Amino acid sequence: MGTVPSDHTHPSNDLGVLLRHWREVRGASQLGLALEAGISQRHLSFIESGRSVPSRQALTSIVQSLDVPLRERNAVFLAAGYAPVYSEVPWNAKEMQSITRALDRMLRQHNPFPAIVMDRYWNVLTTNASSPRFFGSFIDIAARKEPRNMLHLLFDPDGMRPFVVDWETVARSLIQRVYRETIGRVLDERSSSLLDELFAYPGVDASWRLRGSVGSAPNLPMIPMSFKKHGKILSYFSMVTSVGAPQSVAAQELRIECMFPADEETEALHETWMSGGQRLA
């Protein structure tokens, strides 16, 4: 009889449910997944039905083949009776110092333009100095409850929404980004709840849930986000950075969004705009 790994406990009946869920999400057959993971289809069938408990190595091959996000991989390992593999320490924990130092450097270097670090649910974790000054030139950003959520900030009629040019196009593009940029390319429960909250705002059309093209700006390779102030329109686009080859949950879920001027006029006016330091009435 084989020995049981020291970190193995009694497996939950949830393991088969979780594996079937991820296999269905990825559109993989049992045979296809078994071949990809290097196990037999019979063994995979037994695992999904609860008749067999996979080794840690076999389970690792399965979740890697299904490209399961790291947070959800930990849940799979727990369901199999194993200890979680990937650290779930906060993004600013001591173990994350090499990444947080890089974040600080990126944020500083992006001044005088806004740069924001967010988690997978668009909650703001930290920013550079220019970000609160930028958004604070429109609204009382300090009055908004923390953690501030960028999507709520842009959808809320009491937030940035009144200042966004062609808000409907921007909002539709943001909805599509939620689908496109979800970790593991699948909506989890919190992402779905976030979408429900956005669709609860007035003027948000239920048809925007349909995934498809939202158009593009003439002569531009992206949809800019433009803001109105003092009769001027300033346009920006963003670049999103993530951690390469993450090995912790927080590292995988971090996103750094940096705003850049979309045209020469915006670049020329931005510094003057930011130096004013006055909020729109």
Protein backbone atom coordinates (compact mmCIF):
# COMPACT_ATOMS: atom_id res chain seq x y z
CA MET A 1 0.00 0.00 0.00
CA GLY A 2 1.39 3.43 -0.92
CA THR A 3 2.13 6.04 1.67
CA VAL A 4 -0.09 9.11 2.05
CA PRO A 5 1.68 12.50 1.72
CA SER A 6 2.15 14.22 5.06
CA ASP A 7 0.15 17.31 3.99
CA HIS A 8 -2.80 15.25 2.79
CA THR A 9 -6.08 15.23 4.72
CA HIS A 10 -9.44 13.67 4.05
CA PRO A 11 -10.51 14.82 0.58
CA SER A 12 -13.70 16.78 0.03
CA ASN A 13 -16.42 15.66 -2.36
CA ASP A 14 -16.00 19.04 -4.00
CA LEU A 15 -12.89 17.99 -5.94
CA GLY A 16 -14.74 16.28 -8.76
CA VAL A 17 -17.21 19.16 -8.99
CA LEU A 18 -14.37 21.68 -9.25
CA LEU A 19 -12.48 19.71 -11.89
CA ARG A 20 -15.58 19.18 -13.99
CA HIS A 21 -16.37 22.88 -13.69
CA TRP A 22 -12.95 23.94 -14.97
CA ARG A 23 -12.96 21.31 -17.69
CA GLU A 24 -16.32 22.61 -18.90
CA VAL A 25 -15.13 26.23 -18.69
CA ARG A 26 -12.17 25.37 -20.91
CA GLY A 27 -14.27 23.26 -23.25
CA ALA A 28 -12.04 20.23 -22.70
CA SER A 29 -13.13 16.63 -22.99
CA GLN A 30 -12.01 14.04 -20.47
CA LEU A 31 -9.85 12.42 -23.13
CA GLY A 32 -8.30 15.69 -24.25
CA LEU A 33 -7.52 16.78 -20.69
CA ALA A 34 -6.13 13.37 -19.78
CA LEU A 35 -3.76 13.46 -22.76
CA GLU A 36 -2.68 17.02 -21.93
CA ALA A 37 -2.11 16.20 -18.25
CA GLY A 38 -0.32 12.92 -18.94
CA ILE A 39 -2.76 10.65 -17.14
CA SER A 40 -5.26 8.06 -18.35
CA GLN A 41 -8.84 8.99 -19.12
CA ARG A 42 -9.95 6.25 -16.73
CA HIS A 43 -7.93 7.79 -13.91
CA LEU A 44 -9.40 11.24 -14.63
CA SER A 45 -12.89 9.78 -14.70
CA PHE A 46 -12.31 8.15 -11.32
CA ILE A 47 -11.00 11.45 -9.90
CA GLU A 48 -14.03 13.39 -11.12
CA SER A 49 -16.43 10.78 -9.75
CA GLY A 50 -14.70 10.68 -6.37
CA ARG A 51 -13.57 7.07 -6.74
CA SER A 52 -9.89 8.03 -6.75
CA VAL A 53 -7.75 10.69 -5.06
CA PRO A 54 -5.03 12.02 -7.37
CA SER A 55 -1.46 12.47 -6.29
CA ARG A 56 -0.25 16.03 -5.85
CA GLN A 57 1.79 15.66 -9.05
CA ALA A 58 -1.21 14.46 -11.06
CA LEU A 59 -3.41 17.23 -9.67
CA THR A 60 -0.76 19.82 -10.51
CA SER A 61 -0.68 18.56 -14.10
CA ILE A 62 -4.47 18.78 -14.33
CA VAL A 63 -4.79 22.36 -13.04
CA GLN A 64 -1.87 23.50 -15.18
CA SER A 65 -3.44 21.95 -18.25
CA LEU A 66 -6.72 23.73 -17.46
CA ASP A 67 -4.92 27.03 -16.78
CA VAL A 68 -6.74 27.39 -13.48
CA PRO A 69 -5.92 30.73 -11.75
CA LEU A 70 -3.66 30.41 -8.72
CA ARG A 71 -6.30 31.34 -6.14
CA GLU A 72 -8.66 28.73 -7.58
CA ARG A 73 -5.82 26.17 -7.77
CA ASN A 74 -5.44 26.47 -4.01
CA ALA A 75 -9.16 25.67 -3.66
CA VAL A 76 -8.69 22.59 -5.86
CA PHE A 77 -5.77 21.36 -3.77
CA LEU A 78 -7.74 21.91 -0.56
CA ALA A 79 -10.67 19.98 -2.00
CA ALA A 80 -8.30 17.09 -2.70
CA GLY A 81 -7.03 17.18 0.89
CA TYR A 82 -3.70 18.84 0.15
CA ALA A 83 -2.27 22.03 1.57
CA PRO A 84 -2.50 25.07 -0.71
CA VAL A 85 0.48 25.50 -3.03
CA TYR A 86 0.43 29.22 -3.74
CA SER A 87 0.93 31.92 -1.13
CA GLU A 88 -2.08 34.14 -0.47
CA VAL A 89 -0.23 36.85 1.47
CA PRO A 90 -1.40 40.43 0.77
CA TRP A 91 0.14 42.35 -2.11
CA ASN A 92 2.16 44.53 0.31
CA ALA A 93 3.43 41.71 2.56
CA LYS A 94 7.14 41.38 3.29
CA GLU A 95 7.36 38.40 0.92
CA MET A 96 6.24 40.69 -1.91
CA GLN A 97 8.97 43.31 -1.39
CA SER A 98 10.70 42.75 -4.72
CA ILE A 99 7.41 43.38 -6.52
CA THR A 100 6.31 46.32 -4.37
CA ARG A 101 9.67 48.03 -4.93
CA ALA A 102 9.16 47.62 -8.67
CA LEU A 103 5.64 49.02 -8.34
CA ASP A 104 6.92 52.06 -6.44
CA ARG A 105 9.50 52.69 -9.14
CA MET A 106 6.94 52.41 -11.95
CA LEU A 107 4.50 54.70 -10.17
CA ARG A 108 7.11 57.39 -9.48
CA GLN A 109 8.48 57.33 -12.99
CA HIS A 110 5.03 57.74 -14.54
CA ASN A 111 4.44 61.15 -12.95
CA PRO A 112 3.01 63.61 -13.98
CA PHE A 113 0.46 61.20 -15.48
CA PRO A 114 -1.80 58.99 -13.36
CA ALA A 115 -0.76 55.42 -12.59
CA ILE A 116 -2.84 53.06 -10.45
CA VAL A 117 -2.24 49.61 -8.97
CA MET A 118 -5.44 47.54 -8.73
CA ASP A 119 -6.47 44.05 -7.72
CA ARG A 120 -8.47 41.69 -9.92
CA TYR A 121 -11.71 43.45 -8.98
CA TRP A 122 -10.52 46.97 -9.94
CA ASN A 123 -10.06 48.01 -6.31
CA VAL A 124 -7.30 50.60 -5.96
CA LEU A 125 -4.36 49.38 -3.89
CA THR A 126 -1.96 52.27 -4.38
CA THR A 127 -1.28 55.11 -6.82
CA ASN A 128 1.34 57.60 -7.78
CA ALA A 129 1.11 61.21 -6.58
CA SER A 130 -0.51 62.38 -9.82
CA SER A 131 -3.57 60.12 -9.59
CA PRO A 132 -5.40 61.71 -6.63
CA ARG A 133 -4.50 65.16 -7.98
CA PHE A 134 -5.92 64.23 -11.38
CA PHE A 135 -9.22 62.80 -10.16
CA GLY A 136 -9.37 65.36 -7.35
CA SER A 137 -9.47 68.14 -9.95
CA PHE A 138 -12.98 66.88 -10.82
CA ILE A 139 -14.45 65.52 -7.59
CA ASP A 140 -13.71 65.26 -3.88
CA ILE A 141 -11.85 61.98 -4.28
CA ALA A 142 -10.92 61.85 -0.59
CA ALA A 143 -14.61 61.65 0.32
CA ARG A 144 -15.07 58.36 -1.51
CA LYS A 145 -15.02 55.28 0.68
CA GLU A 146 -11.96 53.03 0.54
CA PRO A 147 -11.07 50.76 -1.08
CA ARG A 148 -11.93 52.94 -4.05
CA ASN A 149 -13.04 51.01 -7.09
CA MET A 150 -12.12 52.44 -10.50
CA LEU A 151 -15.17 51.03 -12.26
CA HIS A 152 -17.57 52.45 -9.69
CA LEU A 153 -15.73 55.77 -9.91
CA LEU A 154 -16.34 55.91 -13.67
CA PHE A 155 -19.93 54.57 -13.64
CA ASP A 156 -21.24 56.54 -10.66
CA PRO A 157 -23.21 59.67 -11.64
CA ASP A 158 -21.78 61.25 -8.46
CA GLY A 159 -18.26 60.25 -9.49
CA MET A 160 -16.33 60.82 -12.70
CA ARG A 161 -19.15 59.90 -15.06
CA PRO A 162 -20.41 63.48 -15.74
CA PHE A 163 -16.93 64.48 -16.91
CA VAL A 164 -16.34 61.57 -19.29
CA VAL A 165 -16.82 62.41 -22.97
CA ASP A 166 -19.04 59.90 -24.83
CA TRP A 167 -19.55 58.05 -21.58
CA GLU A 168 -21.67 55.26 -23.09
CA THR A 169 -18.92 54.17 -25.46
CA VAL A 170 -16.35 54.28 -22.67
CA ALA A 171 -18.64 52.37 -20.30
CA ARG A 172 -19.31 49.65 -22.87
CA SER A 173 -15.59 49.28 -23.49
CA LEU A 174 -14.98 48.95 -19.75
CA ILE A 175 -17.63 46.22 -19.48
CA GLN A 176 -15.86 44.34 -22.27
CA ARG A 177 -12.56 44.79 -20.43
CA VAL A 178 -14.03 43.15 -17.33
CA TYR A 179 -14.80 40.06 -19.41
CA ARG A 180 -11.51 40.14 -21.30
CA GLU A 181 -9.18 40.79 -18.37
CA THR A 182 -10.65 38.46 -15.77
CA ILE A 183 -8.03 36.18 -14.23
CA GLY A 184 -8.12 32.86 -16.05
CA ARG A 185 -10.51 34.30 -18.65
CA VAL A 186 -13.56 33.36 -16.60
CA LEU A 187 -15.90 35.34 -14.36
CA ASP A 188 -15.82 34.31 -10.73
CA GLU A 189 -18.58 35.14 -8.25
CA ARG A 190 -17.09 38.49 -7.18
CA SER A 191 -16.51 39.59 -10.78
CA SER A 192 -20.12 38.73 -11.59
CA SER A 193 -21.30 40.69 -8.54
CA LEU A 194 -19.19 43.65 -9.64
CA LEU A 195 -20.85 43.58 -13.07
CA ASP A 196 -24.29 43.39 -11.45
CA GLU A 197 -23.45 46.50 -9.41
CA LEU A 198 -22.34 48.37 -12.53
CA PHE A 199 -25.51 47.42 -14.41
CA ALA A 200 -27.56 48.74 -11.49
CA TYR A 201 -26.44 52.30 -12.27
CA PRO A 202 -28.91 54.41 -14.27
CA GLY A 203 -28.37 54.48 -18.00
CA VAL A 204 -26.42 51.20 -18.16
CA ASP A 205 -27.98 49.06 -20.87
CA ALA A 206 -28.36 45.32 -20.20
CA SER A 207 -27.36 44.66 -23.82
CA TRP A 208 -23.81 45.72 -22.95
CA ARG A 209 -23.37 42.29 -21.39
CA LEU A 210 -23.14 40.91 -24.93
CA ARG A 211 -19.53 40.54 -25.90
CA GLY A 212 -18.62 42.25 -29.11
CA SER A 213 -17.11 45.29 -30.74
CA VAL A 214 -17.74 48.68 -29.16
CA GLY A 215 -16.35 50.62 -32.08
CA SER A 216 -13.15 52.64 -32.24
CA ALA A 217 -12.04 56.23 -32.38
CA PRO A 218 -11.29 57.65 -35.84
CA ASN A 219 -7.59 57.50 -36.70
CA LEU A 220 -6.71 56.00 -33.33
CA PRO A 221 -5.74 52.38 -32.53
CA MET A 222 -7.68 52.37 -29.26
CA ILE A 223 -10.72 53.88 -27.55
CA PRO A 224 -9.46 56.94 -25.67
CA MET A 225 -10.97 58.06 -22.40
CA SER A 226 -11.61 61.78 -22.67
CA PHE A 227 -12.48 64.23 -19.91
CA LYS A 228 -14.09 67.67 -20.09
CA LYS A 229 -12.73 70.55 -18.04
CA HIS A 230 -12.98 74.33 -18.46
CA GLY A 231 -14.22 73.90 -22.02
CA LYS A 232 -11.25 71.71 -22.92
CA ILE A 233 -11.26 68.02 -23.81
CA LEU A 234 -8.23 65.99 -22.81
CA SER A 235 -7.89 62.41 -24.03
CA TYR A 236 -5.95 59.52 -22.53
CA PHE A 237 -5.40 55.85 -23.15
CA SER A 238 -4.05 53.28 -20.73
CA MET A 239 -1.46 50.54 -20.74
CA VAL A 240 -1.93 47.65 -18.35
CA THR A 241 1.03 45.80 -16.85
CA SER A 242 0.95 42.51 -14.96
CA VAL A 243 3.56 40.36 -13.25
CA GLY A 244 5.23 37.83 -15.51
CA ALA A 245 5.32 34.18 -14.29
CA PRO A 246 3.57 34.90 -10.95
CA GLN A 247 3.94 32.35 -8.17
CA SER A 248 1.66 33.89 -5.57
CA VAL A 249 -2.01 34.77 -5.72
CA ALA A 250 -1.44 38.48 -5.11
CA ALA A 251 1.28 38.65 -7.76
CA GLN A 252 -1.02 37.11 -10.36
CA GLU A 253 -3.90 39.43 -9.52
CA LEU A 254 -2.00 42.75 -9.54
CA ARG A 255 -2.59 45.11 -12.46
CA ILE A 256 -0.80 48.42 -13.01
CA GLU A 257 -2.77 50.84 -15.16
CA CYS A 258 -0.83 53.80 -16.55
CA MET A 259 -2.60 56.64 -18.34
CA PHE A 260 -0.91 58.32 -21.31
CA PRO A 261 -1.94 61.32 -23.41
CA ALA A 262 -3.73 60.19 -26.56
CA ASP A 263 -2.76 63.28 -28.54
CA GLU A 264 -0.30 66.17 -28.55
CA GLU A 265 -2.86 68.70 -27.30
CA THR A 266 -3.55 66.61 -24.21
CA GLU A 267 0.15 66.23 -23.51
CA ALA A 268 0.68 69.97 -23.81
CA LEU A 269 -2.27 70.86 -21.58
CA HIS A 270 -1.89 68.16 -18.95
CA GLU A 271 0.79 69.85 -16.87
CA THR A 272 -1.11 73.16 -16.85
CA TRP A 273 -4.30 71.33 -15.93
CA MET A 274 -2.65 69.48 -13.06
CA SER A 275 -0.85 72.53 -11.69
CA GLY A 276 -4.16 74.38 -11.24
CA GLY A 277 -5.11 72.24 -8.26
CA GLN A 278 -8.73 73.38 -8.29
CA ARG A 279 -11.74 71.11 -8.40
CA LEU A 280 -14.50 71.60 -10.96
CA ALA A 281 -17.71 73.03 -9.56
